N, C-alpha and C. Protein backbone atom coordinates (compact mmCIF):
# COMPACT_ATOMS: atom_id res chain seq x y z
N UNK A 1 -74.67 290.48 -110.32
CA UNK A 1 -74.13 290.39 -111.66
C UNK A 1 -72.75 289.74 -111.57
N UNK A 2 -72.49 288.83 -112.50
CA UNK A 2 -71.19 288.16 -112.53
C UNK A 2 -70.57 288.32 -113.91
N UNK A 3 -69.24 288.41 -113.94
CA UNK A 3 -68.50 288.55 -115.18
C UNK A 3 -68.16 287.17 -115.72
N UNK A 4 -68.49 286.93 -116.99
CA UNK A 4 -68.21 285.66 -117.66
C UNK A 4 -67.63 285.95 -119.03
N UNK A 5 -67.19 284.88 -119.71
CA UNK A 5 -66.62 285.01 -121.05
C UNK A 5 -67.33 284.04 -121.98
N UNK A 6 -67.94 284.58 -123.02
CA UNK A 6 -68.59 283.72 -124.01
C UNK A 6 -67.56 282.83 -124.69
N UNK A 7 -68.02 281.78 -125.34
CA UNK A 7 -67.13 280.81 -125.99
C UNK A 7 -66.25 281.48 -127.06
N UNK A 8 -66.73 282.61 -127.63
CA UNK A 8 -65.95 283.33 -128.65
C UNK A 8 -65.04 284.40 -128.04
N UNK A 9 -64.82 284.30 -126.72
CA UNK A 9 -63.91 285.15 -125.95
C UNK A 9 -64.42 286.57 -125.74
N UNK A 10 -65.70 286.81 -125.96
CA UNK A 10 -66.29 288.13 -125.72
C UNK A 10 -66.76 288.17 -124.26
N UNK A 11 -66.28 289.16 -123.50
CA UNK A 11 -66.70 289.26 -122.10
C UNK A 11 -68.16 289.69 -122.00
N UNK A 12 -68.80 289.25 -120.94
CA UNK A 12 -70.19 289.62 -120.69
C UNK A 12 -70.43 289.68 -119.19
N UNK A 13 -71.53 290.32 -118.82
CA UNK A 13 -71.96 290.37 -117.43
C UNK A 13 -73.36 289.78 -117.39
N UNK A 14 -73.57 288.83 -116.47
CA UNK A 14 -74.84 288.11 -116.39
C UNK A 14 -75.51 288.34 -115.05
N UNK A 15 -76.81 288.58 -115.09
CA UNK A 15 -77.60 288.64 -113.87
C UNK A 15 -77.74 287.20 -113.37
N UNK A 16 -77.07 286.87 -112.29
CA UNK A 16 -77.03 285.48 -111.80
C UNK A 16 -78.39 284.99 -111.33
N UNK A 17 -79.34 285.89 -111.08
CA UNK A 17 -80.68 285.48 -110.68
C UNK A 17 -81.42 284.80 -111.83
N UNK A 18 -80.94 284.97 -113.07
CA UNK A 18 -81.59 284.37 -114.23
C UNK A 18 -81.13 282.95 -114.51
N UNK A 19 -80.11 282.47 -113.78
CA UNK A 19 -79.59 281.12 -114.04
C UNK A 19 -80.58 280.08 -113.53
N UNK A 20 -81.00 279.21 -114.44
CA UNK A 20 -81.87 278.09 -114.06
C UNK A 20 -81.03 276.87 -113.74
N UNK A 21 -80.11 276.51 -114.65
CA UNK A 21 -79.17 275.42 -114.37
C UNK A 21 -77.96 275.55 -115.27
N UNK A 22 -76.89 274.81 -114.91
CA UNK A 22 -75.62 274.83 -115.63
C UNK A 22 -75.27 273.40 -116.00
N UNK A 23 -74.85 273.20 -117.25
CA UNK A 23 -74.43 271.88 -117.72
C UNK A 23 -72.97 271.96 -118.19
N UNK A 24 -72.24 270.87 -117.99
CA UNK A 24 -70.88 270.75 -118.52
C UNK A 24 -70.91 269.61 -119.53
N UNK A 25 -70.88 269.95 -120.83
CA UNK A 25 -71.20 268.96 -121.86
C UNK A 25 -70.22 268.81 -123.02
N UNK A 26 -68.97 268.89 -123.09
CA UNK A 26 -67.99 269.38 -122.13
C UNK A 26 -67.94 270.91 -122.03
N UNK A 27 -68.54 271.63 -123.02
CA UNK A 27 -68.62 273.08 -122.87
C UNK A 27 -69.59 273.40 -121.73
N UNK A 28 -69.40 274.56 -121.12
CA UNK A 28 -70.30 274.97 -120.05
C UNK A 28 -71.48 275.70 -120.67
N UNK A 29 -72.67 275.15 -120.48
CA UNK A 29 -73.90 275.73 -121.02
C UNK A 29 -74.76 276.20 -119.86
N UNK A 30 -75.10 277.49 -119.87
CA UNK A 30 -75.95 278.07 -118.83
C UNK A 30 -77.34 278.23 -119.43
N UNK A 31 -78.34 277.61 -118.81
CA UNK A 31 -79.73 277.80 -119.21
C UNK A 31 -80.35 278.84 -118.30
N UNK A 32 -80.99 279.83 -118.92
CA UNK A 32 -81.59 280.92 -118.18
C UNK A 32 -83.09 280.71 -118.03
N UNK A 33 -83.68 281.41 -117.10
CA UNK A 33 -85.11 281.26 -116.83
C UNK A 33 -85.97 281.70 -118.01
N UNK A 34 -85.42 282.50 -118.91
CA UNK A 34 -86.18 282.96 -120.09
C UNK A 34 -86.03 282.01 -121.28
N UNK A 35 -85.35 280.86 -121.08
CA UNK A 35 -85.18 279.88 -122.14
C UNK A 35 -83.90 280.05 -122.94
N UNK A 36 -83.22 281.17 -122.79
CA UNK A 36 -81.97 281.42 -123.51
C UNK A 36 -80.87 280.51 -122.96
N UNK A 37 -79.95 280.09 -123.84
CA UNK A 37 -78.80 279.30 -123.41
C UNK A 37 -77.53 280.05 -123.79
N UNK A 38 -76.56 280.04 -122.88
CA UNK A 38 -75.28 280.69 -123.11
C UNK A 38 -74.17 279.66 -122.97
N UNK A 39 -73.20 279.71 -123.87
CA UNK A 39 -72.02 278.85 -123.76
C UNK A 39 -70.86 279.74 -123.35
N UNK A 40 -70.21 279.38 -122.24
CA UNK A 40 -69.14 280.20 -121.69
C UNK A 40 -67.88 279.38 -121.47
N UNK A 41 -66.76 280.08 -121.31
CA UNK A 41 -65.47 279.43 -121.08
C UNK A 41 -65.29 278.95 -119.65
N UNK A 42 -65.92 279.62 -118.69
CA UNK A 42 -65.77 279.26 -117.29
C UNK A 42 -66.41 277.90 -117.01
N UNK A 43 -65.85 277.20 -116.03
CA UNK A 43 -66.43 275.91 -115.62
C UNK A 43 -67.65 276.16 -114.73
N UNK A 44 -68.45 275.11 -114.54
CA UNK A 44 -69.60 275.22 -113.64
C UNK A 44 -69.15 275.61 -112.24
N UNK A 45 -68.06 275.02 -111.76
CA UNK A 45 -67.56 275.35 -110.43
C UNK A 45 -67.15 276.82 -110.32
N UNK A 46 -66.53 277.36 -111.37
CA UNK A 46 -66.14 278.77 -111.35
C UNK A 46 -67.38 279.67 -111.30
N UNK A 47 -68.40 279.31 -112.05
CA UNK A 47 -69.63 280.11 -112.07
C UNK A 47 -70.30 280.07 -110.70
N UNK A 48 -70.36 278.90 -110.10
CA UNK A 48 -70.95 278.78 -108.76
C UNK A 48 -70.19 279.65 -107.78
N UNK A 49 -68.85 279.62 -107.83
CA UNK A 49 -68.04 280.46 -106.93
C UNK A 49 -68.33 281.94 -107.16
N UNK A 50 -68.45 282.35 -108.42
CA UNK A 50 -68.73 283.75 -108.73
C UNK A 50 -70.10 284.18 -108.18
N UNK A 51 -71.08 283.30 -108.31
CA UNK A 51 -72.42 283.61 -107.80
C UNK A 51 -72.38 283.74 -106.28
N UNK A 52 -71.71 282.80 -105.61
CA UNK A 52 -71.61 282.86 -104.15
C UNK A 52 -70.88 284.13 -103.71
N UNK A 53 -69.76 284.45 -104.37
CA UNK A 53 -69.01 285.67 -104.03
C UNK A 53 -69.88 286.91 -104.22
N UNK A 54 -70.62 286.97 -105.33
CA UNK A 54 -71.50 288.12 -105.59
C UNK A 54 -72.56 288.25 -104.51
N UNK A 55 -73.21 287.14 -104.19
CA UNK A 55 -74.28 287.20 -103.18
C UNK A 55 -73.76 287.56 -101.80
N UNK A 56 -72.54 287.13 -101.49
CA UNK A 56 -71.94 287.52 -100.21
C UNK A 56 -71.65 289.01 -100.17
N UNK A 57 -71.29 289.59 -101.33
CA UNK A 57 -71.00 291.03 -101.38
C UNK A 57 -72.28 291.85 -101.19
N UNK A 58 -73.40 291.37 -101.74
CA UNK A 58 -74.62 292.17 -101.63
C UNK A 58 -75.41 291.86 -100.36
N UNK A 59 -75.15 290.70 -99.74
CA UNK A 59 -75.79 290.32 -98.47
C UNK A 59 -74.71 289.86 -97.50
N UNK A 60 -73.97 290.81 -96.91
CA UNK A 60 -72.89 290.42 -96.01
C UNK A 60 -73.39 289.59 -94.83
N UNK A 61 -72.55 288.70 -94.34
CA UNK A 61 -72.90 287.85 -93.19
C UNK A 61 -73.41 288.69 -92.03
N UNK A 62 -74.50 288.22 -91.46
CA UNK A 62 -75.03 288.91 -90.30
C UNK A 62 -75.94 290.07 -90.61
N UNK A 63 -76.01 290.47 -91.89
CA UNK A 63 -76.89 291.59 -92.24
C UNK A 63 -78.34 291.13 -92.18
N UNK A 64 -79.17 291.96 -91.61
CA UNK A 64 -80.59 291.64 -91.50
C UNK A 64 -81.32 292.44 -92.58
N UNK A 65 -82.10 291.75 -93.43
CA UNK A 65 -82.83 292.48 -94.48
C UNK A 65 -83.79 293.49 -93.86
N UNK A 66 -84.04 294.61 -94.54
CA UNK A 66 -84.96 295.63 -94.01
C UNK A 66 -86.32 295.04 -93.70
N UNK A 67 -86.92 295.47 -92.61
CA UNK A 67 -88.24 295.02 -92.24
C UNK A 67 -88.27 293.77 -91.39
N UNK A 68 -87.11 293.24 -91.04
CA UNK A 68 -87.10 292.03 -90.21
C UNK A 68 -86.52 292.30 -88.85
């Protein structure tokens, strides 16, 4: 989950696994796998960094997933 800010300045938390793609048009538009689109204040680069940081927190380097 990543923290973002909608275009109307309302904070939200997004399940980053639902992101299909991100456009900068010049507003940042996030298209989700369910067809929903979100317009946020953060740039595409900021969102990518947040997703990477989140995934690193839940899958630390060197951690082996259960069953492997």
